[in-house]
Structures are given as structure tokens and as C-alpha cells.
Amino acid sequence: VNLVRDPEEQLAIVGVPEEHLGGHAFHNYHLTSPDETVSFEFQHNVCGRSIYAEGTVDAAMFLHTKIRSGADKKLYDMIDVLREGNMR
């Protein structure tokens, strides 16, 4: 895990837009097989914080619906929210 916390490096190396330096999540994953014959790379970038707030509202609405319906399950995660498919 390499954490890049210097704003100049975030701009120049990571490619974070300047307007999102105060709130972003840029992640790169690189997996290589033990014999180094196979590699896999995955990247996801989040600019801003609004998506986290929207997800929180979706989760709260999901829980409200479950409580009102009398659901027996008492522990949920965001995968449950996503599977339900009722995000705004």
C-alpha cells in the first residue's frame, strides 16, 4: 500500500483534479501470480464526497424500508443495499 498524501504528487503523479484534492479516493490494485506470468490491474477513482453522502441516504432508506416491512434480518451491508437496487 502506497499512500500519496502530498497535494503536488496527487496532482502530478496520481492525476487527481485540483478541485477534488480535499476529497477523493483514487485506488490502484495490481496482483501478480507467484511465478509472475499473470498480472491483473484494477483502478477506481472517486472525485468528491457527494457519492458517499448519497450512499448513506440510500442505506438509511433501505433500512427504513426493512424495518417497516418487519424484516427478520438485523445486520445488513452495502452489498444488500446494492442488490435491492432502489438507489436514487
N, C-alpha and C. Protein backbone atom coordinates (compact mmCIF):
# COMPACT_ATOMS: atom_id res chain seq x y z
N VAL A 1 0.85 -1.17 0.00
CA VAL A 1 0.00 0.00 0.00
C VAL A 1 0.89 1.22 0.00
N ASN A 2 0.67 2.07 -0.98
CA ASN A 2 1.39 3.34 -1.05
C ASN A 2 0.40 4.47 -0.89
N LEU A 3 0.57 5.26 0.16
CA LEU A 3 -0.30 6.40 0.39
C LEU A 3 0.37 7.64 -0.15
N VAL A 4 -0.32 8.34 -1.01
CA VAL A 4 0.20 9.59 -1.56
C VAL A 4 -0.62 10.71 -0.95
N ARG A 5 -0.03 11.44 -0.04
CA ARG A 5 -0.74 12.49 0.70
C ARG A 5 -0.28 13.90 0.33
N ASP A 6 0.77 14.01 -0.44
CA ASP A 6 1.27 15.33 -0.85
C ASP A 6 0.43 15.83 -2.03
N PRO A 7 -0.22 17.00 -1.89
CA PRO A 7 -1.07 17.51 -2.96
C PRO A 7 -0.36 17.67 -4.31
N GLU A 8 0.91 18.06 -4.30
CA GLU A 8 1.64 18.19 -5.56
C GLU A 8 1.79 16.84 -6.26
N GLU A 9 2.07 15.78 -5.49
CA GLU A 9 2.18 14.44 -6.06
C GLU A 9 0.80 13.93 -6.50
N GLN A 10 -0.23 14.25 -5.72
CA GLN A 10 -1.58 13.83 -6.10
C GLN A 10 -1.96 14.43 -7.45
N LEU A 11 -1.58 15.67 -7.68
CA LEU A 11 -1.87 16.32 -8.96
C LEU A 11 -1.02 15.74 -10.09
N ALA A 12 0.29 15.70 -9.88
CA ALA A 12 1.22 15.34 -10.95
C ALA A 12 1.31 13.85 -11.23
N ILE A 13 1.34 13.04 -10.20
CA ILE A 13 1.57 11.60 -10.37
C ILE A 13 0.27 10.81 -10.44
N VAL A 14 -0.63 11.09 -9.49
CA VAL A 14 -1.87 10.32 -9.40
C VAL A 14 -2.92 10.83 -10.39
N GLY A 15 -2.92 12.13 -10.66
CA GLY A 15 -3.88 12.70 -11.60
C GLY A 15 -5.18 13.16 -10.97
N VAL A 16 -5.15 13.47 -9.69
CA VAL A 16 -6.35 13.96 -9.02
C VAL A 16 -6.63 15.38 -9.51
N PRO A 17 -7.85 15.66 -9.95
CA PRO A 17 -8.18 17.03 -10.35
C PRO A 17 -8.02 17.98 -9.17
N GLU A 18 -7.51 19.16 -9.42
CA GLU A 18 -7.22 20.11 -8.34
C GLU A 18 -8.44 20.41 -7.48
N GLU A 19 -9.61 20.52 -8.11
CA GLU A 19 -10.82 20.86 -7.34
C GLU A 19 -11.25 19.74 -6.39
N HIS A 20 -10.65 18.54 -6.51
CA HIS A 20 -11.02 17.42 -5.64
C HIS A 20 -9.89 17.00 -4.69
N LEU A 21 -8.87 17.83 -4.54
CA LEU A 21 -7.77 17.48 -3.63
C LEU A 21 -8.26 17.31 -2.19
N GLY A 22 -9.30 18.03 -1.81
CA GLY A 22 -9.81 17.95 -0.44
C GLY A 22 -10.71 16.76 -0.18
N GLY A 23 -11.09 16.03 -1.22
CA GLY A 23 -11.97 14.89 -1.04
C GLY A 23 -11.97 13.98 -2.25
N HIS A 24 -11.20 12.93 -2.19
CA HIS A 24 -11.12 11.99 -3.31
C HIS A 24 -10.65 10.62 -2.80
N ALA A 25 -10.80 9.64 -3.66
CA ALA A 25 -10.30 8.29 -3.36
C ALA A 25 -9.86 7.68 -4.69
N PHE A 26 -8.58 7.66 -4.93
CA PHE A 26 -8.02 7.05 -6.13
C PHE A 26 -7.27 5.80 -5.68
N HIS A 27 -7.67 4.64 -6.19
CA HIS A 27 -7.08 3.38 -5.78
C HIS A 27 -6.66 2.57 -7.00
N ASN A 28 -5.46 2.03 -6.96
CA ASN A 28 -4.95 1.12 -7.99
C ASN A 28 -4.58 -0.19 -7.33
N TYR A 29 -5.01 -1.28 -7.93
CA TYR A 29 -4.71 -2.61 -7.41
C TYR A 29 -3.93 -3.37 -8.47
N HIS A 30 -2.86 -3.99 -8.09
CA HIS A 30 -2.04 -4.77 -9.01
C HIS A 30 -1.72 -6.10 -8.34
N LEU A 31 -2.17 -7.17 -8.97
CA LEU A 31 -1.92 -8.52 -8.45
C LEU A 31 -1.09 -9.28 -9.48
N THR A 32 -0.11 -10.00 -8.99
CA THR A 32 0.76 -10.79 -9.87
C THR A 32 0.86 -12.21 -9.32
N SER A 33 0.81 -13.17 -10.23
CA SER A 33 0.93 -14.57 -9.81
C SER A 33 2.32 -14.82 -9.24
N PRO A 34 2.47 -15.85 -8.40
CA PRO A 34 3.77 -16.13 -7.80
C PRO A 34 4.90 -16.30 -8.82
N ASP A 35 4.58 -16.87 -9.99
CA ASP A 35 5.63 -17.07 -11.00
C ASP A 35 5.75 -15.87 -11.95
N GLU A 36 4.97 -14.81 -11.68
CA GLU A 36 4.99 -13.56 -12.44
C GLU A 36 4.59 -13.72 -13.91
N THR A 37 3.83 -14.76 -14.24
CA THR A 37 3.37 -14.94 -15.62
C THR A 37 1.99 -14.34 -15.86
N VAL A 38 1.30 -13.98 -14.78
CA VAL A 38 -0.03 -13.40 -14.89
C VAL A 38 -0.12 -12.18 -14.00
N SER A 39 -0.69 -11.12 -14.54
CA SER A 39 -0.92 -9.95 -13.70
C SER A 39 -2.30 -9.40 -13.99
N PHE A 40 -2.85 -8.75 -13.00
CA PHE A 40 -4.19 -8.18 -13.07
C PHE A 40 -4.13 -6.80 -12.45
N GLU A 41 -4.71 -5.80 -13.13
CA GLU A 41 -4.75 -4.44 -12.59
C GLU A 41 -6.18 -3.93 -12.59
N PHE A 42 -6.50 -3.22 -11.55
CA PHE A 42 -7.83 -2.66 -11.39
C PHE A 42 -7.67 -1.28 -10.78
N GLN A 43 -8.45 -0.33 -11.26
CA GLN A 43 -8.36 1.04 -10.76
C GLN A 43 -9.76 1.59 -10.58
N HIS A 44 -9.96 2.34 -9.50
CA HIS A 44 -11.20 3.10 -9.37
C HIS A 44 -10.88 4.45 -8.76
N ASN A 45 -11.56 5.47 -9.26
CA ASN A 45 -11.31 6.84 -8.83
C ASN A 45 -12.63 7.47 -8.42
N VAL A 46 -12.63 8.12 -7.27
CA VAL A 46 -13.79 8.86 -6.80
C VAL A 46 -13.37 10.30 -6.60
N CYS A 47 -14.07 11.21 -7.27
CA CYS A 47 -13.80 12.64 -7.12
C CYS A 47 -14.94 13.27 -6.33
N GLY A 48 -14.61 13.85 -5.21
CA GLY A 48 -15.61 14.49 -4.37
C GLY A 48 -16.14 13.55 -3.31
N ARG A 49 -17.00 14.09 -2.47
CA ARG A 49 -17.55 13.32 -1.36
C ARG A 49 -19.05 13.10 -1.47
N SER A 50 -19.69 13.70 -2.45
CA SER A 50 -21.15 13.62 -2.54
C SER A 50 -21.64 12.19 -2.73
N ILE A 51 -20.89 11.36 -3.43
CA ILE A 51 -21.30 9.98 -3.66
C ILE A 51 -21.41 9.22 -2.34
N TYR A 52 -20.54 9.54 -1.38
CA TYR A 52 -20.60 8.90 -0.07
C TYR A 52 -21.86 9.33 0.68
N ALA A 53 -22.20 10.61 0.59
CA ALA A 53 -23.41 11.12 1.24
C ALA A 53 -24.65 10.49 0.60
N GLU A 54 -24.67 10.37 -0.72
CA GLU A 54 -25.80 9.76 -1.41
C GLU A 54 -25.95 8.28 -1.01
N GLY A 55 -24.84 7.58 -0.89
CA GLY A 55 -24.87 6.18 -0.47
C GLY A 55 -25.39 6.04 0.95
N THR A 56 -25.06 6.98 1.81
CA THR A 56 -25.55 6.96 3.18
C THR A 56 -27.06 7.14 3.22
N VAL A 57 -27.57 8.05 2.40
CA VAL A 57 -29.02 8.26 2.33
C VAL A 57 -29.70 7.01 1.78
N ASP A 58 -29.13 6.41 0.72
CA ASP A 58 -29.70 5.17 0.17
C ASP A 58 -29.74 4.07 1.22
N ALA A 59 -28.68 3.95 2.01
CA ALA A 59 -28.63 2.92 3.05
C ALA A 59 -29.68 3.19 4.13
N ALA A 60 -29.85 4.45 4.51
CA ALA A 60 -30.86 4.79 5.52
C ALA A 60 -32.26 4.48 5.00
N MET A 61 -32.52 4.80 3.75
CA MET A 61 -33.83 4.50 3.16
C MET A 61 -34.06 2.99 3.08
N PHE A 62 -33.02 2.25 2.75
CA PHE A 62 -33.08 0.79 2.70
C PHE A 62 -33.46 0.24 4.08
N LEU A 63 -32.77 0.70 5.11
CA LEU A 63 -33.05 0.24 6.48
C LEU A 63 -34.46 0.62 6.93
N HIS A 64 -34.88 1.81 6.58
CA HIS A 64 -36.24 2.24 6.93
C HIS A 64 -37.27 1.29 6.31
N THR A 65 -37.08 0.95 5.05
CA THR A 65 -38.00 0.03 4.37
C THR A 65 -37.99 -1.34 5.03
N LYS A 66 -36.81 -1.83 5.39
CA LYS A 66 -36.70 -3.14 6.04
C LYS A 66 -37.41 -3.14 7.40
N ILE A 67 -37.22 -2.10 8.17
CA ILE A 67 -37.84 -2.01 9.50
C ILE A 67 -39.37 -1.96 9.36
N ARG A 68 -39.84 -1.14 8.42
CA ARG A 68 -41.30 -1.02 8.22
C ARG A 68 -41.92 -2.33 7.75
N SER A 69 -41.17 -3.14 7.00
CA SER A 69 -41.72 -4.40 6.49
C SER A 69 -41.62 -5.52 7.52
N GLY A 70 -40.97 -5.25 8.66
CA GLY A 70 -40.84 -6.26 9.70
C GLY A 70 -39.81 -7.33 9.37
N ALA A 71 -38.81 -7.00 8.59
CA ALA A 71 -37.77 -7.96 8.21
C ALA A 71 -37.11 -8.57 9.43
N ASP A 72 -36.82 -9.87 9.34
CA ASP A 72 -36.18 -10.59 10.45
C ASP A 72 -34.68 -10.32 10.53
N LYS A 73 -34.06 -10.12 9.39
CA LYS A 73 -32.62 -9.92 9.36
C LYS A 73 -32.29 -8.60 10.07
N LYS A 74 -31.25 -8.61 10.88
CA LYS A 74 -30.90 -7.42 11.66
C LYS A 74 -29.56 -6.81 11.29
N LEU A 75 -28.78 -7.50 10.44
CA LEU A 75 -27.48 -6.99 10.05
C LEU A 75 -27.39 -6.95 8.53
N TYR A 76 -27.10 -5.76 7.99
CA TYR A 76 -27.01 -5.56 6.55
C TYR A 76 -25.68 -4.89 6.23
N ASP A 77 -25.29 -4.97 4.97
CA ASP A 77 -24.13 -4.22 4.49
C ASP A 77 -24.50 -3.55 3.17
N MET A 78 -23.57 -2.81 2.61
CA MET A 78 -23.86 -2.08 1.37
C MET A 78 -24.15 -3.01 0.20
N ILE A 79 -23.65 -4.23 0.24
CA ILE A 79 -23.97 -5.19 -0.81
C ILE A 79 -25.48 -5.46 -0.80
N ASP A 80 -26.07 -5.57 0.38
CA ASP A 80 -27.52 -5.75 0.48
C ASP A 80 -28.26 -4.56 -0.13
N VAL A 81 -27.79 -3.37 0.15
CA VAL A 81 -28.40 -2.16 -0.40
C VAL A 81 -28.31 -2.18 -1.92
N LEU A 82 -27.15 -2.51 -2.44
CA LEU A 82 -26.96 -2.54 -3.90
C LEU A 82 -27.79 -3.63 -4.56
N ARG A 83 -27.87 -4.79 -3.94
CA ARG A 83 -28.67 -5.88 -4.51
C ARG A 83 -30.15 -5.52 -4.57
N GLU A 84 -30.62 -4.76 -3.60
CA GLU A 84 -32.01 -4.34 -3.59
C GLU A 84 -32.34 -3.48 -4.82
N GLY A 85 -31.35 -2.69 -5.25
CA GLY A 85 -31.49 -1.92 -6.49
C GLY A 85 -32.39 -0.70 -6.44
N ASN A 86 -32.63 -0.16 -5.26
CA ASN A 86 -33.51 1.01 -5.15
C ASN A 86 -32.76 2.31 -4.89
N MET A 87 -31.52 2.41 -5.39
CA MET A 87 -30.77 3.64 -5.19
C MET A 87 -31.37 4.75 -6.05
N ARG A 88 -31.21 5.96 -5.57
CA ARG A 88 -31.72 7.10 -6.32
C ARG A 88 -30.89 7.36 -7.54
